[in-house]
Amino acid sequence: MRGQSMASKSNPFAFLQQVRSETSKVTWPSRRETMISTVMVLVMVVFAALFFFAADQLIGWALSFVLNTGN
């Protein structure tokens, strides 16, 4: 069978050895880099939440103004 991938040819033990080997090649971020990235994500989440809250309030106000002017 030519279409088989490498993972399907090996047994589970060999697969786990390959996974461990590939995992050791990964350059993992330091604790400081992880903390900085986490703080940056949280700050952007707060900014996005404030922006969408303000946009929702503005659109709601505009709609109520438009819909109530005919009364």
N, C-alpha and C. Protein backbone atom coordinates (compact mmCIF):
# COMPACT_ATOMS: atom_id res chain seq x y z
N MET A 1 0.84 -1.19 0.00
CA MET A 1 0.00 0.00 0.00
C MET A 1 0.88 1.24 0.00
N ARG A 2 0.86 1.96 -1.06
CA ARG A 2 1.74 3.12 -1.19
C ARG A 2 1.20 4.36 -0.49
N GLY A 3 -0.11 4.49 -0.34
CA GLY A 3 -0.71 5.71 0.18
C GLY A 3 -0.68 5.84 1.69
N GLN A 4 -0.06 4.89 2.39
CA GLN A 4 -0.05 4.95 3.85
C GLN A 4 0.93 6.00 4.34
N SER A 5 0.56 6.64 5.46
CA SER A 5 1.48 7.61 6.05
C SER A 5 2.45 6.88 6.96
N MET A 6 3.46 7.58 7.42
CA MET A 6 4.46 6.97 8.29
C MET A 6 3.85 6.54 9.62
N ALA A 7 2.89 7.29 10.13
CA ALA A 7 2.30 6.97 11.43
C ALA A 7 1.53 5.66 11.38
N SER A 8 0.91 5.34 10.26
CA SER A 8 0.12 4.11 10.18
C SER A 8 1.00 2.87 10.02
N LYS A 9 2.27 3.01 9.71
CA LYS A 9 3.17 1.88 9.52
C LYS A 9 3.82 1.43 10.83
N SER A 10 3.86 2.31 11.84
CA SER A 10 4.57 1.98 13.06
C SER A 10 3.60 1.54 14.16
N ASN A 11 4.14 0.82 15.11
CA ASN A 11 3.31 0.39 16.23
C ASN A 11 3.16 1.54 17.23
N PRO A 12 2.25 1.42 18.19
CA PRO A 12 2.01 2.53 19.13
C PRO A 12 3.25 2.92 19.93
N PHE A 13 4.08 1.95 20.31
CA PHE A 13 5.29 2.28 21.07
C PHE A 13 6.24 3.13 20.23
N ALA A 14 6.44 2.75 18.98
CA ALA A 14 7.32 3.52 18.09
C ALA A 14 6.73 4.91 17.83
N PHE A 15 5.41 4.98 17.71
CA PHE A 15 4.77 6.27 17.51
C PHE A 15 5.03 7.20 18.69
N LEU A 16 4.89 6.68 19.90
CA LEU A 16 5.14 7.50 21.09
C LEU A 16 6.61 7.93 21.17
N GLN A 17 7.52 7.08 20.74
CA GLN A 17 8.94 7.46 20.69
C GLN A 17 9.15 8.60 19.70
N GLN A 18 8.47 8.53 18.55
CA GLN A 18 8.58 9.60 17.55
C GLN A 18 8.00 10.91 18.08
N VAL A 19 6.88 10.81 18.78
CA VAL A 19 6.26 12.01 19.36
C VAL A 19 7.21 12.64 20.36
N ARG A 20 7.81 11.83 21.21
CA ARG A 20 8.74 12.36 22.21
C ARG A 20 9.95 13.00 21.54
N SER A 21 10.43 12.37 20.48
CA SER A 21 11.58 12.90 19.75
C SER A 21 11.24 14.25 19.12
N GLU A 22 10.06 14.34 18.50
CA GLU A 22 9.65 15.61 17.88
C GLU A 22 9.39 16.69 18.93
N THR A 23 8.83 16.31 20.07
CA THR A 23 8.55 17.27 21.14
C THR A 23 9.84 17.86 21.69
N SER A 24 10.90 17.06 21.72
CA SER A 24 12.17 17.57 22.23
C SER A 24 12.79 18.60 21.28
N LYS A 25 12.36 18.63 20.02
CA LYS A 25 12.89 19.59 19.05
C LYS A 25 12.21 20.95 19.13
N VAL A 26 11.09 21.01 19.85
CA VAL A 26 10.31 22.25 19.93
C VAL A 26 11.03 23.25 20.82
N THR A 27 11.06 24.51 20.38
CA THR A 27 11.60 25.58 21.21
C THR A 27 10.46 26.15 22.03
N TRP A 28 10.41 25.80 23.31
CA TRP A 28 9.32 26.22 24.16
C TRP A 28 9.57 27.63 24.67
N PRO A 29 8.51 28.45 24.83
CA PRO A 29 8.70 29.81 25.35
C PRO A 29 9.07 29.77 26.83
N SER A 30 9.79 30.80 27.24
CA SER A 30 10.15 30.89 28.66
C SER A 30 8.93 31.31 29.47
N ARG A 31 9.03 31.22 30.78
CA ARG A 31 7.92 31.63 31.64
C ARG A 31 7.63 33.12 31.44
N ARG A 32 8.68 33.93 31.28
CA ARG A 32 8.51 35.37 31.09
C ARG A 32 7.76 35.66 29.78
N GLU A 33 8.16 34.98 28.69
CA GLU A 33 7.49 35.16 27.41
C GLU A 33 6.02 34.75 27.48
N THR A 34 5.76 33.66 28.20
CA THR A 34 4.38 33.21 28.35
C THR A 34 3.55 34.21 29.14
N MET A 35 4.12 34.76 30.19
CA MET A 35 3.38 35.74 31.01
C MET A 35 3.11 37.02 30.21
N ILE A 36 4.10 37.49 29.46
CA ILE A 36 3.93 38.70 28.65
C ILE A 36 2.84 38.48 27.61
N SER A 37 2.87 37.32 26.94
CA SER A 37 1.84 37.02 25.93
C SER A 37 0.46 36.94 26.56
N THR A 38 0.37 36.33 27.74
CA THR A 38 -0.91 36.21 28.44
C THR A 38 -1.46 37.58 28.81
N VAL A 39 -0.62 38.45 29.33
CA VAL A 39 -1.06 39.79 29.70
C VAL A 39 -1.50 40.56 28.45
N MET A 40 -0.76 40.44 27.36
CA MET A 40 -1.13 41.13 26.12
C MET A 40 -2.49 40.66 25.61
N VAL A 41 -2.74 39.36 25.68
CA VAL A 41 -4.03 38.83 25.25
C VAL A 41 -5.15 39.36 26.13
N LEU A 42 -4.95 39.36 27.44
CA LEU A 42 -5.98 39.86 28.36
C LEU A 42 -6.28 41.34 28.13
N VAL A 43 -5.24 42.14 27.89
CA VAL A 43 -5.44 43.56 27.61
C VAL A 43 -6.23 43.75 26.32
N MET A 44 -5.90 42.99 25.28
CA MET A 44 -6.63 43.10 24.02
C MET A 44 -8.08 42.64 24.17
N VAL A 45 -8.32 41.65 25.01
CA VAL A 45 -9.69 41.19 25.25
C VAL A 45 -10.49 42.30 25.92
N VAL A 46 -9.90 43.00 26.89
CA VAL A 46 -10.59 44.11 27.55
C VAL A 46 -10.88 45.22 26.55
N PHE A 47 -9.90 45.58 25.72
CA PHE A 47 -10.13 46.62 24.71
C PHE A 47 -11.24 46.22 23.73
N ALA A 48 -11.22 44.97 23.28
CA ALA A 48 -12.25 44.50 22.36
C ALA A 48 -13.63 44.52 23.02
N ALA A 49 -13.69 44.11 24.29
CA ALA A 49 -14.97 44.11 25.00
C ALA A 49 -15.50 45.53 25.15
N LEU A 50 -14.63 46.47 25.50
CA LEU A 50 -15.06 47.87 25.63
C LEU A 50 -15.51 48.44 24.29
N PHE A 51 -14.78 48.12 23.23
CA PHE A 51 -15.14 48.61 21.91
C PHE A 51 -16.51 48.09 21.49
N PHE A 52 -16.72 46.78 21.62
CA PHE A 52 -18.00 46.21 21.20
C PHE A 52 -19.15 46.65 22.10
N PHE A 53 -18.88 46.88 23.38
CA PHE A 53 -19.91 47.42 24.26
C PHE A 53 -20.31 48.82 23.80
N ALA A 54 -19.30 49.66 23.51
CA ALA A 54 -19.58 51.02 23.05
C ALA A 54 -20.31 51.00 21.70
N ALA A 55 -19.88 50.15 20.79
CA ALA A 55 -20.54 50.07 19.49
C ALA A 55 -21.98 49.60 19.65
N ASP A 56 -22.22 48.63 20.51
CA ASP A 56 -23.58 48.13 20.75
C ASP A 56 -24.46 49.22 21.35
N GLN A 57 -23.93 49.96 22.30
CA GLN A 57 -24.70 51.04 22.91
C GLN A 57 -25.03 52.13 21.88
N LEU A 58 -24.06 52.47 21.05
CA LEU A 58 -24.26 53.51 20.04
C LEU A 58 -25.30 53.06 19.00
N ILE A 59 -25.19 51.84 18.54
CA ILE A 59 -26.15 51.34 17.56
C ILE A 59 -27.54 51.25 18.19
N GLY A 60 -27.61 50.80 19.44
CA GLY A 60 -28.90 50.74 20.13
C GLY A 60 -29.52 52.11 20.29
N TRP A 61 -28.71 53.09 20.66
CA TRP A 61 -29.20 54.46 20.80
C TRP A 61 -29.69 54.99 19.45
N ALA A 62 -28.90 54.75 18.39
CA ALA A 62 -29.28 55.24 17.05
C ALA A 62 -30.57 54.58 16.58
N LEU A 63 -30.73 53.29 16.80
CA LEU A 63 -31.94 52.62 16.39
C LEU A 63 -33.15 53.13 17.17
N SER A 64 -33.00 53.30 18.47
CA SER A 64 -34.14 53.79 19.23
C SER A 64 -34.48 55.23 18.84
N PHE A 65 -33.49 56.01 18.49
CA PHE A 65 -33.75 57.39 18.03
C PHE A 65 -34.51 57.37 16.73
N VAL A 66 -34.08 56.52 15.78
CA VAL A 66 -34.72 56.45 14.47
C VAL A 66 -36.15 55.89 14.61
N LEU A 67 -36.32 54.85 15.40
CA LEU A 67 -37.63 54.23 15.52
C LEU A 67 -38.61 55.06 16.34
N ASN A 68 -38.14 55.87 17.24
CA ASN A 68 -39.03 56.69 18.09
C ASN A 68 -39.36 58.05 17.46
N THR A 69 -38.66 58.47 16.44
CA THR A 69 -38.94 59.78 15.85
C THR A 69 -40.25 59.79 15.08
N GLY A 70 -40.72 58.63 14.64
CA GLY A 70 -41.99 58.58 13.89
C GLY A 70 -43.21 58.66 14.80
N ASN A 71 -43.04 58.49 16.09
CA ASN A 71 -44.20 58.49 17.01
C ASN A 71 -44.64 59.86 17.37
